């Protein structure tokens, strides 16, 4: 996963002479049908098509995101399943290609973003989740 420009600036300031970065107490996992970038953007899943879609709130603690490990790159994975529930789709099914970690339930700042290993067409009635250990977060 890539760091957003927002997070890069916060981390640089926190490490070198600026205010400390205070991590959010809750992060929100968002799904995208078109790529975000370091500066944000992209196309988040539309509630006009996936009617019950919402970002998933995850308390930002060591249970939900256990300690990072390894090097080149260091890796952190989800310690609990992250479930979007069962999709209610109207019209053409969305094809999810990217994921982002945000600091708000809507709007807000993008912290991290990445490409899914493989895109996923979300059909009506599909359960959508990241099982434990499947949302891998690296630091670029």
N, C-alpha and C. Protein backbone atom coordinates (compact mmCIF):
# COMPACT_ATOMS: atom_id res chain seq x y z
N UNK A 1 0.84 -1.18 0.00
CA UNK A 1 0.00 0.00 0.00
C UNK A 1 0.88 1.24 0.00
N UNK A 2 0.40 2.27 -0.65
CA UNK A 2 1.13 3.53 -0.71
C UNK A 2 0.62 4.50 0.35
N UNK A 3 1.50 5.36 0.80
CA UNK A 3 1.10 6.43 1.71
C UNK A 3 0.49 7.55 0.88
N UNK A 4 -0.53 8.18 1.43
CA UNK A 4 -1.08 9.37 0.78
C UNK A 4 -0.13 10.54 1.01
N UNK A 5 -0.24 11.56 0.19
CA UNK A 5 0.55 12.78 0.40
C UNK A 5 0.28 13.34 1.79
N UNK A 6 -0.99 13.32 2.21
CA UNK A 6 -1.38 13.81 3.54
C UNK A 6 -0.58 13.10 4.63
N UNK A 7 -0.53 11.75 4.58
CA UNK A 7 0.17 11.01 5.62
C UNK A 7 1.67 11.22 5.54
N UNK A 8 2.22 11.27 4.34
CA UNK A 8 3.66 11.51 4.20
C UNK A 8 4.07 12.81 4.88
N UNK A 9 3.32 13.88 4.68
CA UNK A 9 3.64 15.16 5.30
C UNK A 9 3.52 15.09 6.82
N UNK A 10 2.46 14.43 7.31
CA UNK A 10 2.28 14.30 8.76
C UNK A 10 3.42 13.52 9.39
N UNK A 11 3.84 12.42 8.75
CA UNK A 11 4.92 11.61 9.30
C UNK A 11 6.26 12.34 9.27
N UNK A 12 6.54 13.03 8.17
CA UNK A 12 7.79 13.79 8.10
C UNK A 12 7.84 14.87 9.17
N UNK A 13 6.74 15.59 9.35
CA UNK A 13 6.70 16.60 10.40
C UNK A 13 6.87 15.97 11.78
N UNK A 14 6.25 14.81 12.00
CA UNK A 14 6.34 14.14 13.29
C UNK A 14 7.74 13.66 13.62
N UNK A 15 8.48 13.25 12.59
CA UNK A 15 9.83 12.74 12.81
C UNK A 15 10.85 13.87 12.89
N UNK A 16 10.64 14.92 12.09
CA UNK A 16 11.66 15.97 11.99
C UNK A 16 11.06 17.36 12.24
N UNK A 17 11.04 17.77 13.48
CA UNK A 17 10.80 19.16 13.84
C UNK A 17 9.40 19.71 13.75
N UNK A 18 8.43 18.92 13.41
CA UNK A 18 7.07 19.42 13.33
C UNK A 18 6.22 18.86 14.45
N UNK A 19 4.93 19.12 14.40
CA UNK A 19 4.06 18.55 15.44
C UNK A 19 3.96 17.03 15.28
N UNK A 20 3.78 16.35 16.41
CA UNK A 20 3.62 14.90 16.38
C UNK A 20 2.33 14.53 15.65
N UNK A 21 2.38 13.44 14.91
CA UNK A 21 1.19 12.92 14.24
C UNK A 21 0.40 12.11 15.27
N UNK A 22 -0.84 12.45 15.45
CA UNK A 22 -1.72 11.71 16.35
C UNK A 22 -2.56 10.78 15.49
N UNK A 23 -2.32 9.49 15.66
CA UNK A 23 -3.06 8.54 14.83
C UNK A 23 -4.54 8.58 15.19
N UNK A 24 -5.41 8.36 14.18
CA UNK A 24 -6.85 8.36 14.47
C UNK A 24 -7.22 7.16 15.33
N UNK A 25 -8.16 7.34 16.24
CA UNK A 25 -8.63 6.25 17.10
C UNK A 25 -9.43 5.21 16.33
N UNK A 26 -10.01 5.62 15.22
CA UNK A 26 -10.75 4.72 14.34
C UNK A 26 -10.32 5.02 12.92
N UNK A 27 -10.09 3.97 12.13
CA UNK A 27 -9.85 4.14 10.70
C UNK A 27 -11.01 3.50 9.95
N UNK A 28 -11.17 3.86 8.71
CA UNK A 28 -12.30 3.41 7.90
C UNK A 28 -11.76 2.81 6.60
N UNK A 29 -12.18 1.58 6.33
CA UNK A 29 -11.74 0.89 5.13
C UNK A 29 -12.73 1.18 4.01
N UNK A 30 -12.20 1.67 2.89
CA UNK A 30 -13.03 2.06 1.75
C UNK A 30 -12.65 1.24 0.52
N UNK A 31 -13.62 0.95 -0.32
CA UNK A 31 -13.40 0.20 -1.55
C UNK A 31 -13.59 1.12 -2.76
N UNK A 32 -12.78 0.88 -3.79
CA UNK A 32 -12.77 1.75 -4.97
C UNK A 32 -12.94 0.95 -6.26
N UNK A 33 -13.61 1.60 -7.22
CA UNK A 33 -13.77 1.01 -8.56
C UNK A 33 -12.82 1.66 -9.56
N UNK A 34 -12.16 2.73 -9.18
CA UNK A 34 -11.12 3.37 -9.98
C UNK A 34 -10.04 3.85 -9.03
N UNK A 35 -8.82 3.77 -9.48
CA UNK A 35 -7.65 3.97 -8.63
C UNK A 35 -7.57 5.33 -7.97
N UNK A 36 -7.39 5.35 -6.63
CA UNK A 36 -6.97 6.59 -5.98
C UNK A 36 -5.47 6.77 -6.25
N UNK A 37 -4.91 7.83 -5.73
CA UNK A 37 -3.48 8.05 -5.86
C UNK A 37 -2.99 8.65 -4.54
N UNK A 38 -1.70 8.98 -4.49
CA UNK A 38 -1.16 9.59 -3.28
C UNK A 38 -1.90 10.88 -2.92
N UNK A 39 -2.41 11.57 -3.91
CA UNK A 39 -3.11 12.83 -3.65
C UNK A 39 -4.61 12.63 -3.41
N UNK A 40 -5.08 11.39 -3.40
CA UNK A 40 -6.50 11.10 -3.16
C UNK A 40 -7.19 10.70 -4.44
N UNK A 41 -8.41 11.18 -4.62
CA UNK A 41 -9.15 10.90 -5.85
C UNK A 41 -9.61 9.46 -5.94
N UNK A 42 -9.70 8.96 -7.15
CA UNK A 42 -10.25 7.64 -7.37
C UNK A 42 -11.77 7.70 -7.31
N UNK A 43 -12.40 6.55 -7.50
CA UNK A 43 -13.86 6.47 -7.44
C UNK A 43 -14.25 5.44 -6.40
N UNK A 44 -14.76 5.92 -5.27
CA UNK A 44 -15.22 5.01 -4.23
C UNK A 44 -16.51 4.36 -4.70
N UNK A 45 -16.79 3.17 -4.22
CA UNK A 45 -18.01 2.45 -4.56
C UNK A 45 -19.22 3.36 -4.36
N UNK A 46 -20.15 3.32 -5.28
CA UNK A 46 -21.34 4.17 -5.23
C UNK A 46 -22.47 3.49 -4.48
N UNK A 47 -23.10 4.23 -3.57
CA UNK A 47 -24.27 3.69 -2.89
C UNK A 47 -25.49 3.69 -3.80
N UNK A 48 -25.37 4.30 -4.98
CA UNK A 48 -26.44 4.21 -5.97
C UNK A 48 -26.51 2.83 -6.60
N UNK A 49 -25.40 2.11 -6.59
CA UNK A 49 -25.33 0.76 -7.15
C UNK A 49 -25.28 -0.29 -6.03
N UNK A 50 -24.39 -0.09 -5.07
CA UNK A 50 -24.27 -0.97 -3.91
C UNK A 50 -24.98 -0.23 -2.78
N UNK A 51 -26.27 -0.47 -2.64
CA UNK A 51 -27.13 0.39 -1.82
C UNK A 51 -26.79 0.37 -0.33
N UNK A 52 -26.22 -0.71 0.17
CA UNK A 52 -25.89 -0.76 1.60
C UNK A 52 -24.38 -0.63 1.86
N UNK A 53 -23.64 -0.11 0.86
CA UNK A 53 -22.20 0.10 1.04
C UNK A 53 -21.94 1.23 2.04
N UNK A 54 -20.99 1.00 2.89
CA UNK A 54 -20.46 2.03 3.77
C UNK A 54 -19.03 1.64 4.11
N UNK A 55 -18.19 2.62 4.34
CA UNK A 55 -16.84 2.33 4.83
C UNK A 55 -16.97 1.56 6.15
N UNK A 56 -16.03 0.66 6.37
CA UNK A 56 -16.06 -0.13 7.60
C UNK A 56 -15.16 0.52 8.64
N UNK A 57 -15.75 0.83 9.79
CA UNK A 57 -15.00 1.42 10.91
C UNK A 57 -14.23 0.32 11.63
N UNK A 58 -12.95 0.58 11.87
CA UNK A 58 -12.10 -0.36 12.61
C UNK A 58 -11.36 0.43 13.68
N UNK A 59 -11.55 0.03 14.93
CA UNK A 59 -10.81 0.68 16.02
C UNK A 59 -9.32 0.47 15.76
N UNK A 60 -8.58 1.54 15.84
CA UNK A 60 -7.16 1.51 15.49
C UNK A 60 -6.33 1.14 16.72
N UNK A 61 -6.27 -0.18 16.97
CA UNK A 61 -5.53 -0.65 18.14
C UNK A 61 -4.71 -1.90 17.78
N UNK A 62 -3.95 -2.41 18.75
CA UNK A 62 -3.05 -3.54 18.51
C UNK A 62 -3.78 -4.86 18.32
N UNK A 63 -5.03 -4.97 18.73
CA UNK A 63 -5.81 -6.19 18.46
C UNK A 63 -6.21 -6.24 17.01
N UNK A 64 -6.72 -5.13 16.50
CA UNK A 64 -7.21 -5.08 15.13
C UNK A 64 -6.08 -4.95 14.11
N UNK A 65 -4.96 -4.37 14.53
CA UNK A 65 -3.78 -4.24 13.68
C UNK A 65 -2.55 -4.60 14.50
N UNK A 66 -2.25 -5.93 14.62
CA UNK A 66 -1.10 -6.37 15.42
C UNK A 66 0.22 -5.77 14.93
N UNK A 67 1.24 -5.90 15.73
CA UNK A 67 2.55 -5.30 15.46
C UNK A 67 3.05 -5.63 14.06
N UNK A 68 3.71 -4.66 13.47
CA UNK A 68 4.34 -4.84 12.16
C UNK A 68 5.49 -5.82 12.29
N UNK A 69 5.83 -6.47 11.17
CA UNK A 69 6.94 -7.41 11.18
C UNK A 69 7.68 -7.34 9.86
N UNK A 70 8.86 -7.92 9.84
CA UNK A 70 9.64 -8.02 8.62
C UNK A 70 10.28 -6.70 8.22
N UNK A 71 11.01 -6.79 7.12
CA UNK A 71 11.64 -5.62 6.53
C UNK A 71 11.60 -5.77 5.02
N UNK A 72 11.73 -4.68 4.33
CA UNK A 72 11.79 -4.66 2.86
C UNK A 72 10.67 -5.39 2.17
N UNK A 73 9.44 -5.08 2.36
CA UNK A 73 8.94 -4.03 3.23
C UNK A 73 8.48 -4.58 4.57
N UNK A 74 8.40 -3.69 5.55
CA UNK A 74 7.74 -4.02 6.81
C UNK A 74 6.27 -4.23 6.50
N UNK A 75 5.62 -5.12 7.24
CA UNK A 75 4.24 -5.49 6.92
C UNK A 75 3.38 -5.48 8.17
N UNK A 76 2.17 -5.00 8.01
CA UNK A 76 1.17 -5.02 9.07
C UNK A 76 -0.10 -5.54 8.43
N UNK A 77 -0.81 -6.44 9.10
CA UNK A 77 -2.04 -7.02 8.55
C UNK A 77 -3.16 -6.90 9.57
N UNK A 78 -4.39 -7.01 9.08
CA UNK A 78 -5.54 -6.94 9.98
C UNK A 78 -5.60 -8.16 10.89
N UNK A 79 -5.87 -7.92 12.18
CA UNK A 79 -5.97 -8.99 13.16
C UNK A 79 -7.38 -9.49 13.37
N UNK A 80 -8.35 -8.83 12.74
CA UNK A 80 -9.76 -9.23 12.79
C UNK A 80 -10.31 -9.15 11.37
N UNK A 81 -11.35 -9.92 11.11
CA UNK A 81 -12.01 -9.83 9.80
C UNK A 81 -12.63 -8.45 9.65
N UNK A 82 -12.56 -7.91 8.44
CA UNK A 82 -13.16 -6.61 8.13
C UNK A 82 -14.29 -6.88 7.15
N UNK A 83 -15.52 -6.77 7.63
CA UNK A 83 -16.69 -7.19 6.84
C UNK A 83 -17.53 -6.00 6.40
N UNK A 84 -17.83 -5.99 5.11
CA UNK A 84 -18.75 -5.01 4.53
C UNK A 84 -20.17 -5.56 4.49
N UNK A 85 -20.37 -6.75 5.04
CA UNK A 85 -21.70 -7.37 5.04
C UNK A 85 -22.03 -7.99 3.70
N UNK A 86 -23.31 -8.25 3.50
CA UNK A 86 -23.81 -8.84 2.26
C UNK A 86 -24.24 -7.71 1.34
N UNK A 87 -23.70 -7.69 0.14
CA UNK A 87 -23.94 -6.60 -0.80
C UNK A 87 -25.37 -6.62 -1.34
N UNK A 88 -25.99 -5.45 -1.34
CA UNK A 88 -27.29 -5.24 -1.99
C UNK A 88 -27.01 -4.41 -3.24
N UNK A 89 -27.03 -5.06 -4.38
CA UNK A 89 -26.64 -4.43 -5.64
C UNK A 89 -27.87 -4.18 -6.50
N UNK A 90 -27.96 -2.98 -7.06
CA UNK A 90 -28.99 -2.67 -8.04
C UNK A 90 -28.28 -2.24 -9.31
N UNK A 91 -28.73 -2.72 -10.45
CA UNK A 91 -28.06 -2.38 -11.71
C UNK A 91 -26.82 -3.21 -11.91
N UNK A 92 -25.92 -2.69 -12.73
CA UNK A 92 -24.69 -3.42 -13.04
C UNK A 92 -23.81 -3.54 -11.82
N UNK A 93 -23.22 -4.72 -11.59
CA UNK A 93 -22.39 -4.91 -10.39
C UNK A 93 -21.09 -4.11 -10.48
N UNK A 94 -20.68 -3.51 -9.36
CA UNK A 94 -19.40 -2.79 -9.37
C UNK A 94 -18.23 -3.77 -9.38
N UNK A 95 -17.13 -3.34 -9.97
CA UNK A 95 -15.89 -4.11 -9.96
C UNK A 95 -14.91 -3.35 -9.06
N UNK A 96 -14.61 -3.93 -7.92
CA UNK A 96 -13.73 -3.29 -6.94
C UNK A 96 -12.29 -3.64 -7.30
N UNK A 97 -11.45 -2.59 -7.39
CA UNK A 97 -10.06 -2.77 -7.81
C UNK A 97 -9.04 -2.28 -6.78
N UNK A 98 -9.48 -1.39 -5.87
CA UNK A 98 -8.56 -0.76 -4.92
C UNK A 98 -9.19 -0.66 -3.54
N UNK A 99 -8.35 -0.45 -2.56
CA UNK A 99 -8.78 -0.25 -1.18
C UNK A 99 -8.02 0.94 -0.61
N UNK A 100 -8.65 1.65 0.31
CA UNK A 100 -7.97 2.75 0.99
C UNK A 100 -8.32 2.73 2.47
N UNK A 101 -7.42 3.28 3.26
CA UNK A 101 -7.66 3.47 4.68
C UNK A 101 -7.84 4.97 4.88
N UNK A 102 -8.97 5.34 5.45
CA UNK A 102 -9.36 6.73 5.60
C UNK A 102 -9.45 7.08 7.09
N UNK A 103 -9.51 8.39 7.39
CA UNK A 103 -9.64 8.80 8.79
C UNK A 103 -11.04 9.28 9.14
N UNK A 104 -12.02 9.05 8.26
CA UNK A 104 -13.40 9.47 8.53
C UNK A 104 -14.37 8.52 7.81
N UNK A 105 -15.60 8.46 8.33
CA UNK A 105 -16.63 7.60 7.76
C UNK A 105 -17.05 8.06 6.38
N UNK A 106 -16.94 9.34 6.11
CA UNK A 106 -17.16 9.89 4.76
C UNK A 106 -16.25 11.10 4.64
N UNK A 107 -15.86 11.42 3.42
CA UNK A 107 -14.90 12.50 3.24
C UNK A 107 -13.62 12.19 3.97
N UNK A 108 -13.08 13.14 4.68
CA UNK A 108 -11.89 12.91 5.48
C UNK A 108 -10.62 12.83 4.66
N UNK A 109 -9.57 12.33 5.29
CA UNK A 109 -8.26 12.22 4.66
C UNK A 109 -7.93 10.77 4.36
N UNK A 110 -7.41 10.54 3.19
CA UNK A 110 -6.90 9.21 2.84
C UNK A 110 -5.54 9.06 3.50
N UNK A 111 -5.33 7.92 4.16
CA UNK A 111 -4.06 7.63 4.81
C UNK A 111 -3.21 6.71 3.96
N UNK A 112 -3.78 5.60 3.54
CA UNK A 112 -3.08 4.58 2.76
C UNK A 112 -4.01 4.14 1.64
N UNK A 113 -3.44 3.63 0.55
CA UNK A 113 -4.25 3.08 -0.53
C UNK A 113 -3.44 2.01 -1.26
N UNK A 114 -4.15 1.09 -1.90
CA UNK A 114 -3.46 0.04 -2.63
C UNK A 114 -4.37 -0.67 -3.61
N UNK A 115 -3.73 -1.44 -4.48
CA UNK A 115 -4.41 -2.23 -5.50
C UNK A 115 -4.72 -3.60 -4.92
N UNK A 116 -5.93 -4.10 -5.15
CA UNK A 116 -6.25 -5.46 -4.73
C UNK A 116 -5.44 -6.45 -5.56
N UNK A 117 -5.11 -7.59 -4.98
CA UNK A 117 -4.37 -8.62 -5.70
C UNK A 117 -5.09 -9.01 -6.99
N UNK A 118 -6.41 -9.09 -6.91
CA UNK A 118 -7.23 -9.30 -8.11
C UNK A 118 -8.53 -8.53 -7.92
N UNK A 119 -9.03 -7.96 -9.01
CA UNK A 119 -10.27 -7.21 -8.92
C UNK A 119 -11.41 -8.16 -8.58
N UNK A 120 -12.48 -7.61 -8.02
CA UNK A 120 -13.60 -8.43 -7.57
C UNK A 120 -14.91 -7.79 -8.04
N UNK A 121 -15.68 -8.53 -8.83
CA UNK A 121 -17.02 -8.11 -9.20
C UNK A 121 -17.93 -8.43 -8.02
N UNK A 122 -18.64 -7.42 -7.54
CA UNK A 122 -19.52 -7.59 -6.39
C UNK A 122 -20.94 -7.78 -6.90
N UNK A 123 -21.48 -8.96 -6.73
CA UNK A 123 -22.83 -9.28 -7.16
C UNK A 123 -23.80 -9.19 -6.00
N UNK A 124 -25.07 -9.02 -6.30
CA UNK A 124 -26.10 -8.96 -5.27
C UNK A 124 -26.03 -10.22 -4.41
N UNK A 125 -26.01 -10.04 -3.10
CA UNK A 125 -25.97 -11.17 -2.17
C UNK A 125 -24.58 -11.65 -1.82
N UNK A 126 -23.53 -11.08 -2.46
CA UNK A 126 -22.16 -11.49 -2.13
C UNK A 126 -21.76 -11.01 -0.74
N UNK A 127 -21.17 -11.89 0.07
CA UNK A 127 -20.54 -11.42 1.31
C UNK A 127 -19.20 -10.79 0.92
N UNK A 128 -18.89 -9.64 1.48
CA UNK A 128 -17.66 -8.93 1.11
C UNK A 128 -16.86 -8.68 2.38
N UNK A 129 -15.62 -9.20 2.40
CA UNK A 129 -14.79 -9.01 3.60
C UNK A 129 -13.32 -9.22 3.28
N UNK A 130 -12.50 -8.75 4.19
CA UNK A 130 -11.08 -9.08 4.22
C UNK A 130 -10.91 -10.01 5.40
N UNK A 131 -10.66 -11.30 5.17
CA UNK A 131 -10.42 -12.21 6.30
C UNK A 131 -9.18 -11.78 7.09
N UNK A 132 -9.05 -12.30 8.29
CA UNK A 132 -7.89 -12.00 9.12
C UNK A 132 -6.61 -12.23 8.33
N UNK A 133 -5.73 -11.24 8.35
CA UNK A 133 -4.43 -11.34 7.70
C UNK A 133 -4.43 -11.04 6.21
N UNK A 134 -5.60 -10.70 5.62
CA UNK A 134 -5.65 -10.46 4.17
C UNK A 134 -5.53 -9.01 3.76
N UNK A 135 -5.67 -8.08 4.67
CA UNK A 135 -5.44 -6.67 4.33
C UNK A 135 -4.01 -6.34 4.76
N UNK A 136 -3.10 -6.44 3.81
CA UNK A 136 -1.68 -6.22 4.09
C UNK A 136 -1.32 -4.75 3.86
N UNK A 137 -0.71 -4.15 4.86
CA UNK A 137 -0.36 -2.74 4.79
C UNK A 137 1.15 -2.63 4.91
N UNK A 138 1.75 -1.95 3.96
CA UNK A 138 3.19 -1.70 3.97
C UNK A 138 3.41 -0.19 4.06
N UNK A 139 4.64 0.18 4.25
CA UNK A 139 4.99 1.60 4.33
C UNK A 139 5.95 1.91 3.20
N UNK A 140 5.56 2.85 2.34
CA UNK A 140 6.45 3.14 1.19
C UNK A 140 7.37 4.30 1.43
